[in-house]
Amino acid sequence: MGSSRSISSHCDPKTLAAIDLAFDDAWSVLEALNLLAGFTNDCELQAELSQRLVALASDGMTNPNELRQQVLASFPLGLRSDQSVK
């Protein structure tokens, strides 16, 4: 995830790892649901996803599963926050 480099001086390694894991998991869900087409390009969505995860982590959320659930809930996906793609 690109945001790790820019925020590495502001987050501890555990938080960075949680953000990276949540990013990868959330990206897989967005990709599996073919929701990437709603953005101009992958970079735009990656930036938005990263910003939302960093905001959640800044509020103290550091569990990767909670981060993934909350960030997916922040997109208009029609998903329950506990739903995932197998």
Protein backbone atom coordinates (compact mmCIF):
# COMPACT_ATOMS: atom_id res chain seq x y z
CA MET A 1 0.00 0.00 0.00
CA GLY A 2 1.40 3.39 -0.94
CA SER A 3 0.27 5.21 2.17
CA SER A 4 2.61 3.24 4.43
CA ARG A 5 5.61 5.10 3.14
CA SER A 6 4.11 8.53 3.69
CA ILE A 7 2.77 7.78 7.17
CA SER A 8 5.55 5.53 8.44
CA SER A 9 7.00 8.29 10.59
CA HIS A 10 3.59 8.84 12.26
CA CYS A 11 2.53 5.25 12.97
CA ASP A 12 4.08 2.39 14.85
CA PRO A 13 4.96 -0.78 12.91
CA LYS A 14 1.96 -2.71 14.29
CA THR A 15 -0.45 -0.04 13.07
CA LEU A 16 1.23 0.09 9.67
CA ALA A 17 0.95 -3.69 9.36
CA ALA A 18 -2.74 -3.53 10.29
CA ILE A 19 -3.37 -0.82 7.69
CA ASP A 20 -1.53 -2.80 5.02
CA LEU A 21 -3.44 -5.99 5.79
CA ALA A 22 -6.78 -4.17 5.86
CA PHE A 23 -5.93 -2.44 2.57
CA ASP A 24 -5.11 -5.73 0.84
CA ASP A 25 -8.26 -7.42 2.17
CA ALA A 26 -10.53 -4.50 1.28
CA TRP A 27 -8.96 -4.20 -2.17
CA SER A 28 -9.69 -7.88 -2.81
CA VAL A 29 -13.35 -7.30 -1.92
CA LEU A 30 -13.63 -4.23 -4.15
CA GLU A 31 -11.96 -6.10 -6.99
CA ALA A 32 -14.09 -9.23 -6.59
CA LEU A 33 -17.27 -7.16 -6.65
CA ASN A 34 -16.05 -5.37 -9.79
CA LEU A 35 -16.37 -2.00 -8.08
CA LEU A 36 -13.08 -0.67 -9.39
CA ALA A 37 -14.80 0.49 -12.59
CA GLY A 38 -16.57 3.26 -10.65
CA PHE A 39 -13.30 5.14 -10.27
CA THR A 40 -11.28 6.90 -12.94
CA ASN A 41 -8.35 4.59 -12.31
CA ASP A 42 -6.96 2.21 -9.72
CA CYS A 43 -4.70 4.93 -8.31
CA GLU A 44 -7.69 7.09 -7.46
CA LEU A 45 -9.37 4.29 -5.55
CA GLN A 46 -6.12 3.23 -3.88
CA ALA A 47 -5.60 6.77 -2.63
CA GLU A 48 -9.16 6.99 -1.32
CA LEU A 49 -8.93 3.61 0.38
CA SER A 50 -5.60 4.53 1.95
CA GLN A 51 -6.90 7.86 3.23
CA ARG A 52 -9.93 6.24 4.82
CA LEU A 53 -7.82 3.55 6.51
CA VAL A 54 -5.34 6.09 7.84
CA ALA A 55 -8.21 8.17 9.23
CA LEU A 56 -9.64 5.13 11.02
CA ALA A 57 -6.22 4.20 12.40
CA SER A 58 -5.68 7.79 13.53
CA ASP A 59 -8.88 7.45 15.56
CA GLY A 60 -7.30 4.50 17.37
CA MET A 61 -8.59 1.54 15.37
CA THR A 62 -5.72 -0.90 14.89
CA ASN A 63 -7.37 -4.29 14.40
CA PRO A 64 -7.02 -5.21 10.70
CA ASN A 65 -10.43 -6.92 10.57
CA GLU A 66 -12.17 -3.94 12.12
CA LEU A 67 -10.33 -1.59 9.79
CA ARG A 68 -11.42 -3.65 6.78
CA GLN A 69 -15.03 -3.82 7.95
CA GLN A 70 -15.22 -0.11 8.66
CA VAL A 71 -13.53 0.99 5.46
CA LEU A 72 -15.79 -1.24 3.35
CA ALA A 73 -18.81 0.11 5.20
CA SER A 74 -17.71 3.62 4.19
CA PHE A 75 -18.11 2.79 0.49
CA PRO A 76 -21.55 2.48 -1.13
CA LEU A 77 -21.18 -1.25 -1.73
CA GLY A 78 -24.42 -2.67 -0.48
CA LEU A 79 -22.35 -4.93 1.79
CA ARG A 80 -22.87 -5.66 5.42
CA SER A 81 -19.78 -4.68 7.36
CA ASP A 82 -19.08 -8.34 8.22
CA GLN A 83 -19.48 -9.65 4.67
CA SER A 84 -16.41 -10.77 2.79
CA VAL A 85 -15.62 -12.34 -0.54
CA LYS A 86 -14.33 -15.89 -0.59
